[in-house]
Amino acid sequence: MESKIRAFAQHHGYDSIRKSIKWDGYSVYEPFFYGDDDYIGYSLFILVRNGIIRLATKQEARQLCGIIKHY
C-alpha cells in the first residue's frame, strides 16, 4: 500500500512520503520534496482509510497542523 501512496504523492509533484500519525480513523502521511525548494501555503497531508488515498482538505490540514509537531 505504501508504494501506492508514494505514487499518489509523486503524481501530485512530491518526491516521497513520511508516515506520520493515526488521526480520526486515517493513516496520515506527509509528502515532501528532496530539494531545497520552499513551499508556501497550507501544509499538505495525504489521508488513507480503507484503501482510499486522498489529500486532506484545508480544514483537515489546519487541524493536523495543530497536532503534528516537527522537531
PDB file of N, CA and C in Angstrom:
ATOM      1  N   MET A   1       0.806  -1.190   0.000  1.00  0.00           N
ATOM      2  CA  MET A   1       0.000   0.000   0.000  1.00  0.00           C
ATOM      3  C   MET A   1       0.859   1.268   0.000  1.00  0.00           C
ATOM      4  N   GLU A   2       1.991   1.215   0.721  1.00  0.00           N
ATOM      5  CA  GLU A   2       2.832   2.405   0.792  1.00  0.00           C
ATOM      6  C   GLU A   2       3.358   2.817  -0.581  1.00  0.00           C
ATOM      7  N   SER A   3       3.595   1.868  -1.474  1.00  0.00           N
ATOM      8  CA  SER A   3       4.048   2.227  -2.821  1.00  0.00           C
ATOM      9  C   SER A   3       2.954   2.981  -3.578  1.00  0.00           C
ATOM     10  N   LYS A   4       1.688   2.635  -3.340  1.00  0.00           N
ATOM     11  CA  LYS A   4       0.579   3.362  -3.967  1.00  0.00           C
ATOM     12  C   LYS A   4       0.486   4.785  -3.420  1.00  0.00           C
ATOM     13  N   ILE A   5       0.725   4.939  -2.135  1.00  0.00           N
ATOM     14  CA  ILE A   5       0.681   6.259  -1.521  1.00  0.00           C
ATOM     15  C   ILE A   5       1.825   7.118  -2.043  1.00  0.00           C
ATOM     16  N   ARG A   6       3.009   6.527  -2.169  1.00  0.00           N
ATOM     17  CA  ARG A   6       4.161   7.238  -2.729  1.00  0.00           C
ATOM     18  C   ARG A   6       3.878   7.653  -4.170  1.00  0.00           C
ATOM     19  N   ALA A   7       3.280   6.771  -4.957  1.00  0.00           N
ATOM     20  CA  ALA A   7       2.928   7.100  -6.348  1.00  0.00           C
ATOM     21  C   ALA A   7       1.902   8.235  -6.387  1.00  0.00           C
ATOM     22  N   PHE A   8       0.947   8.230  -5.462  1.00  0.00           N
ATOM     23  CA  PHE A   8      -0.048   9.295  -5.359  1.00  0.00           C
ATOM     24  C   PHE A   8       0.659  10.630  -5.094  1.00  0.00           C
ATOM     25  N   ALA A   9       1.607  10.633  -4.145  1.00  0.00           N
ATOM     26  CA  ALA A   9       2.354  11.850  -3.826  1.00  0.00           C
ATOM     27  C   ALA A   9       3.157  12.322  -5.036  1.00  0.00           C
ATOM     28  N   GLN A  10       3.797  11.408  -5.728  1.00  0.00           N
ATOM     29  CA  GLN A  10       4.596  11.772  -6.901  1.00  0.00           C
ATOM     30  C   GLN A  10       3.704  12.318  -8.018  1.00  0.00           C
ATOM     31  N   HIS A  11       2.520  11.791  -8.151  1.00  0.00           N
ATOM     32  CA  HIS A  11       1.555  12.302  -9.136  1.00  0.00           C
ATOM     33  C   HIS A  11       1.204  13.764  -8.830  1.00  0.00           C
ATOM     34  N   HIS A  12       1.246  14.132  -7.552  1.00  0.00           N
ATOM     35  CA  HIS A  12       0.941  15.499  -7.141  1.00  0.00           C
ATOM     36  C   HIS A  12       2.201  16.366  -7.017  1.00  0.00           C
ATOM     37  N   GLY A  13       3.327  15.876  -7.534  1.00  0.00           N
ATOM     38  CA  GLY A  13       4.542  16.677  -7.619  1.00  0.00           C
ATOM     39  C   GLY A  13       5.538  16.523  -6.489  1.00  0.00           C
ATOM     40  N   TYR A  14       5.321  15.608  -5.575  1.00  0.00           N
ATOM     41  CA  TYR A  14       6.229  15.408  -4.451  1.00  0.00           C
ATOM     42  C   TYR A  14       7.213  14.288  -4.755  1.00  0.00           C
ATOM     43  N   ASP A  15       8.302  14.262  -3.999  1.00  0.00           N
ATOM     44  CA  ASP A  15       9.323  13.237  -4.203  1.00  0.00           C
ATOM     45  C   ASP A  15       9.040  11.960  -3.419  1.00  0.00           C
ATOM     46  N   SER A  16       8.543  12.097  -2.210  1.00  0.00           N
ATOM     47  CA  SER A  16       8.307  10.919  -1.391  1.00  0.00           C
ATOM     48  C   SER A  16       7.326  11.260  -0.266  1.00  0.00           C
ATOM     49  N   ILE A  17       7.191  10.324   0.666  1.00  0.00           N
ATOM     50  CA  ILE A  17       6.259  10.484   1.783  1.00  0.00           C
ATOM     51  C   ILE A  17       6.923  10.067   3.086  1.00  0.00           C
ATOM     52  N   ARG A  18       6.354  10.538   4.167  1.00  0.00           N
ATOM     53  CA  ARG A  18       6.789  10.146   5.501  1.00  0.00           C
ATOM     54  C   ARG A  18       5.525   9.793   6.278  1.00  0.00           C
ATOM     55  N   LYS A  19       5.474   8.597   6.851  1.00  0.00           N
ATOM     56  CA  LYS A  19       4.306   8.200   7.645  1.00  0.00           C
ATOM     57  C   LYS A  19       4.295   9.030   8.913  1.00  0.00           C
ATOM     58  N   SER A  20       3.141   9.528   9.271  1.00  0.00           N
ATOM     59  CA  SER A  20       3.049  10.420  10.409  1.00  0.00           C
ATOM     60  C   SER A  20       2.241   9.786  11.540  1.00  0.00           C
ATOM     61  N   ILE A  21       0.972  10.119  11.668  1.00  0.00           N
ATOM     62  CA  ILE A  21       0.172   9.686  12.810  1.00  0.00           C
ATOM     63  C   ILE A  21      -1.116   9.022  12.342  1.00  0.00           C
ATOM     64  N   LYS A  22      -1.828   8.440  13.283  1.00  0.00           N
ATOM     65  CA  LYS A  22      -3.205   8.000  13.065  1.00  0.00           C
ATOM     66  C   LYS A  22      -4.085   9.142  13.547  1.00  0.00           C
ATOM     67  N   TRP A  23      -5.099   9.496  12.773  1.00  0.00           N
ATOM     68  CA  TRP A  23      -5.956  10.616  13.134  1.00  0.00           C
ATOM     69  C   TRP A  23      -7.355  10.396  12.584  1.00  0.00           C
ATOM     70  N   ASP A  24      -8.341  10.440  13.425  1.00  0.00           N
ATOM     71  CA  ASP A  24      -9.744  10.377  13.025  1.00  0.00           C
ATOM     72  C   ASP A  24     -10.036   9.193  12.085  1.00  0.00           C
ATOM     73  N   GLY A  25      -9.381   8.060  12.346  1.00  0.00           N
ATOM     74  CA  GLY A  25      -9.581   6.870  11.537  1.00  0.00           C
ATOM     75  C   GLY A  25      -8.717   6.798  10.280  1.00  0.00           C
ATOM     76  N   TYR A  26      -7.871   7.790  10.068  1.00  0.00           N
ATOM     77  CA  TYR A  26      -6.991   7.841   8.892  1.00  0.00           C
ATOM     78  C   TYR A  26      -5.549   7.572   9.293  1.00  0.00           C
ATOM     79  N   SER A  27      -4.796   6.990   8.384  1.00  0.00           N
ATOM     80  CA  SER A  27      -3.342   7.000   8.469  1.00  0.00           C
ATOM     81  C   SER A  27      -2.919   8.267   7.752  1.00  0.00           C
ATOM     82  N   VAL A  28      -2.075   9.059   8.400  1.00  0.00           N
ATOM     83  CA  VAL A  28      -1.662  10.347   7.843  1.00  0.00           C
ATOM     84  C   VAL A  28      -0.232  10.233   7.339  1.00  0.00           C
ATOM     85  N   TYR A  29      -0.017  10.720   6.126  1.00  0.00           N
ATOM     86  CA  TYR A  29       1.317  10.757   5.513  1.00  0.00           C
ATOM     87  C   TYR A  29       1.622  12.192   5.130  1.00  0.00           C
ATOM     88  N   GLU A  30       2.887  12.561   5.271  1.00  0.00           N
ATOM     89  CA  GLU A  30       3.332  13.889   4.880  1.00  0.00           C
ATOM     90  C   GLU A  30       4.172  13.767   3.610  1.00  0.00           C
ATOM     91  N   PRO A  31       3.734  14.380   2.521  1.00  0.00           N
ATOM     92  CA  PRO A  31       4.545  14.370   1.303  1.00  0.00           C
ATOM     93  C   PRO A  31       5.662  15.408   1.431  1.00  0.00           C
ATOM     94  N   PHE A  32       6.806  15.151   0.772  1.00  0.00           N
ATOM     95  CA  PHE A  32       7.898  16.119   0.842  1.00  0.00           C
ATOM     96  C   PHE A  32       8.735  16.093  -0.423  1.00  0.00           C
ATOM     97  N   PHE A  33       9.546  17.157  -0.559  1.00  0.00           N
ATOM     98  CA  PHE A  33      10.496  17.305  -1.654  1.00  0.00           C
ATOM     99  C   PHE A  33      11.888  17.008  -1.125  1.00  0.00           C
ATOM    100  N   TYR A  34      12.761  16.465  -1.955  1.00  0.00           N
ATOM    101  CA  TYR A  34      14.155  16.257  -1.566  1.00  0.00           C
ATOM    102  C   TYR A  34      14.958  17.547  -1.672  1.00  0.00           C
ATOM    103  N   GLY A  35      14.596  18.421  -2.594  1.00  0.00           N
ATOM    104  CA  GLY A  35      15.349  19.651  -2.830  1.00  0.00           C
ATOM    105  C   GLY A  35      15.133  20.698  -1.768  1.00  0.00           C
ATOM    106  N   ASP A  36      15.716  21.846  -2.010  1.00  0.00           N
ATOM    107  CA  ASP A  36      15.634  22.964  -1.082  1.00  0.00           C
ATOM    108  C   ASP A  36      14.521  23.942  -1.440  1.00  0.00           C
ATOM    109  N   ASP A  37      13.624  23.560  -2.332  1.00  0.00           N
ATOM    110  CA  ASP A  37      12.546  24.447  -2.733  1.00  0.00           C
ATOM    111  C   ASP A  37      11.636  24.736  -1.548  1.00  0.00           C
ATOM    112  N   ASP A  38      11.257  25.986  -1.427  1.00  0.00           N
ATOM    113  CA  ASP A  38      10.330  26.371  -0.372  1.00  0.00           C
ATOM    114  C   ASP A  38       8.904  26.206  -0.867  1.00  0.00           C
ATOM    115  N   TYR A  39       8.026  25.868   0.056  1.00  0.00           N
ATOM    116  CA  TYR A  39       6.609  25.735  -0.243  1.00  0.00           C
ATOM    117  C   TYR A  39       5.868  26.686   0.667  1.00  0.00           C
ATOM    118  N   ILE A  40       5.042  27.530   0.095  1.00  0.00           N
ATOM    119  CA  ILE A  40       4.259  28.470   0.884  1.00  0.00           C
ATOM    120  C   ILE A  40       2.793  28.124   0.697  1.00  0.00           C
ATOM    121  N   GLY A  41       2.095  28.011   1.784  1.00  0.00           N
ATOM    122  CA  GLY A  41       0.672  27.684   1.722  1.00  0.00           C
ATOM    123  C   GLY A  41       0.342  26.679   2.808  1.00  0.00           C
ATOM    124  N   TYR A  42      -0.835  26.107   2.687  1.00  0.00           N
ATOM    125  CA  TYR A  42      -1.258  25.098   3.654  1.00  0.00           C
ATOM    126  C   TYR A  42      -0.335  23.899   3.595  1.00  0.00           C
ATOM    127  N   SER A  43      -0.035  23.344   4.751  1.00  0.00           N
ATOM    128  CA  SER A  43       0.685  22.077   4.775  1.00  0.00           C
ATOM    129  C   SER A  43      -0.223  21.033   4.135  1.00  0.00           C
ATOM    130  N   LEU A  44       0.353  20.184   3.330  1.00  0.00           N
ATOM    131  CA  LEU A  44      -0.439  19.146   2.690  1.00  0.00           C
ATOM    132  C   LEU A  44      -0.214  17.826   3.405  1.00  0.00           C
ATOM    133  N   PHE A  45      -1.288  17.099   3.525  1.00  0.00           N
ATOM    134  CA  PHE A  45      -1.237  15.783   4.134  1.00  0.00           C
ATOM    135  C   PHE A  45      -2.003  14.829   3.237  1.00  0.00           C
ATOM    136  N   ILE A  46      -1.558  13.593   3.212  1.00  0.00           N
ATOM    137  CA  ILE A  46      -2.255  12.537   2.490  1.00  0.00           C
ATOM    138  C   ILE A  46      -2.947  11.682   3.538  1.00  0.00           C
ATOM    139  N   LEU A  47      -4.235  11.464   3.340  1.00  0.00           N
ATOM    140  CA  LEU A  47      -5.024  10.661   4.262  1.00  0.00           C
ATOM    141  C   LEU A  47      -5.392   9.347   3.596  1.00  0.00           C
ATOM    142  N   VAL A  48      -5.290   8.251   4.352  1.00  0.00           N
ATOM    143  CA  VAL A  48      -5.595   6.918   3.831  1.00  0.00           C
ATOM    144  C   VAL A  48      -6.511   6.206   4.821  1.00  0.00           C
ATOM    145  N   ARG A  49      -7.638   5.724   4.297  1.00  0.00           N
ATOM    146  CA  ARG A  49      -8.555   4.931   5.118  1.00  0.00           C
ATOM    147  C   ARG A  49      -9.272   3.948   4.206  1.00  0.00           C
ATOM    148  N   ASN A  50      -9.305   2.700   4.630  1.00  0.00           N
ATOM    149  CA  ASN A  50      -9.970   1.634   3.864  1.00  0.00           C
ATOM    150  C   ASN A  50      -9.485   1.562   2.419  1.00  0.00           C
ATOM    151  N   GLY A  51      -8.190   1.770   2.219  1.00  0.00           N
ATOM    152  CA  GLY A  51      -7.602   1.667   0.892  1.00  0.00           C
ATOM    153  C   GLY A  51      -7.834   2.870  -0.010  1.00  0.00           C
ATOM    154  N   ILE A  52      -8.520   3.895   0.502  1.00  0.00           N
ATOM    155  CA  ILE A  52      -8.773   5.097  -0.291  1.00  0.00           C
ATOM    156  C   ILE A  52      -7.741   6.154   0.093  1.00  0.00           C
ATOM    157  N   ILE A  53      -7.058   6.704  -0.912  1.00  0.00           N
ATOM    158  CA  ILE A  53      -5.997   7.686  -0.724  1.00  0.00           C
ATOM    159  C   ILE A  53      -6.512   9.029  -1.217  1.00  0.00           C
ATOM    160  N   ARG A  54      -6.343  10.063  -0.383  1.00  0.00           N
ATOM    161  CA  ARG A  54      -6.772  11.392  -0.803  1.00  0.00           C
ATOM    162  C   ARG A  54      -5.965  12.455  -0.078  1.00  0.00           C
ATOM    163  N   LEU A  55      -6.005  13.681  -0.617  1.00  0.00           N
ATOM    164  CA  LEU A  55      -5.389  14.811   0.056  1.00  0.00           C
ATOM    165  C   LEU A  55      -6.343  15.332   1.121  1.00  0.00           C
ATOM    166  N   ALA A  56      -5.792  15.833   2.200  1.00  0.00           N
ATOM    167  CA  ALA A  56      -6.598  16.440   3.253  1.00  0.00           C
ATOM    168  C   ALA A  56      -7.207  17.739   2.731  1.00  0.00           C
ATOM    169  N   THR A  57      -8.385  18.067   3.218  1.00  0.00           N
ATOM    170  CA  THR A  57      -8.995  19.359   2.906  1.00  0.00           C
ATOM    171  C   THR A  57      -8.257  20.447   3.682  1.00  0.00           C
ATOM    172  N   LYS A  58      -8.527  21.716   3.364  1.00  0.00           N
ATOM    173  CA  LYS A  58      -7.902  22.809   4.112  1.00  0.00           C
ATOM    174  C   LYS A  58      -8.259  22.743   5.590  1.00  0.00           C
ATOM    175  N   GLN A  59      -9.499  22.424   5.884  1.00  0.00           N
ATOM    176  CA  GLN A  59      -9.926  22.337   7.277  1.00  0.00           C
ATOM    177  C   GLN A  59      -9.203  21.211   8.008  1.00  0.00           C
ATOM    178  N   GLU A  60      -9.076  20.064   7.354  1.00  0.00           N
ATOM    179  CA  GLU A  60      -8.357  18.938   7.959  1.00  0.00           C
ATOM    180  C   GLU A  60      -6.883  19.293   8.152  1.00  0.00           C
ATOM    181  N   ALA A  61      -6.289  19.966   7.162  1.00  0.00           N
ATOM    182  CA  ALA A  61      -4.880  20.350   7.251  1.00  0.00           C
ATOM    183  C   ALA A  61      -4.649  21.290   8.426  1.00  0.00           C
ATOM    184  N   ARG A  62      -5.570  22.238   8.649  1.00  0.00           N
ATOM    185  CA  ARG A  62      -5.442  23.148   9.788  1.00  0.00           C
ATOM    186  C   ARG A  62      -5.464  22.363  11.103  1.00  0.00           C
ATOM    187  N   GLN A  63      -6.363  21.405  11.206  1.00  0.00           N
ATOM    188  CA  GLN A  63      -6.442  20.587  12.420  1.00  0.00           C
ATOM    189  C   GLN A  63      -5.153  19.790  12.619  1.00  0.00           C
ATOM    190  N   LEU A  64      -4.666  19.187  11.553  1.00  0.00           N
ATOM    191  CA  LEU A  64      -3.456  18.374  11.646  1.00  0.00           C
ATOM    192  C   LEU A  64      -2.234  19.216  11.987  1.00  0.00           C
ATOM    193  N   CYS A  65      -2.160  20.444  11.473  1.00  0.00           N
ATOM    194  CA  CYS A  65      -1.017  21.313  11.792  1.00  0.00           C
ATOM    195  C   CYS A  65      -0.964  21.607  13.288  1.00  0.00           C
ATOM    196  N   GLY A  66      -2.113  21.614  13.937  1.00  0.00           N
ATOM    197  CA  GLY A  66      -2.140  21.848  15.368  1.00  0.00           C
ATOM    198  C   GLY A  66      -1.763  20.625  16.183  1.00  0.00           C
ATOM    199  N   ILE A  67      -1.751  19.461  15.546  1.00  0.00           N
ATOM    200  CA  ILE A  67      -1.465  18.203  16.245  1.00  0.00           C
ATOM    201  C   ILE A  67      -0.045  17.717  15.985  1.00  0.00           C
ATOM    202  N   ILE A  68       0.379  17.762  14.737  1.00  0.00           N
ATOM    203  CA  ILE A  68       1.675  17.208  14.337  1.00  0.00           C
ATOM    204  C   ILE A  68       2.760  18.233  14.638  1.00  0.00           C
ATOM    205  N   LYS A  69       3.756  17.820  15.378  1.00  0.00           N
ATOM    206  CA  LYS A  69       4.886  18.677  15.737  1.00  0.00           C
ATOM    207  C   LYS A  69       6.128  18.194  15.007  1.00  0.00           C
ATOM    208  N   HIS A  70       6.852  19.131  14.429  1.00  0.00           N
ATOM    209  CA  HIS A  70       8.097  18.810  13.740  1.00  0.00           C
ATOM    210  C   HIS A  70       9.265  19.360  14.555  1.00  0.00           C
ATOM    211  N   TYR A  71      10.241  18.529  14.773  1.00  0.00           N
ATOM    212  CA  TYR A  71      11.392  18.938  15.574  1.00  0.00           C
ATOM    213  C   TYR A  71      12.629  18.897  14.742  1.00  0.00           C
TER     214      TYR A  71
END
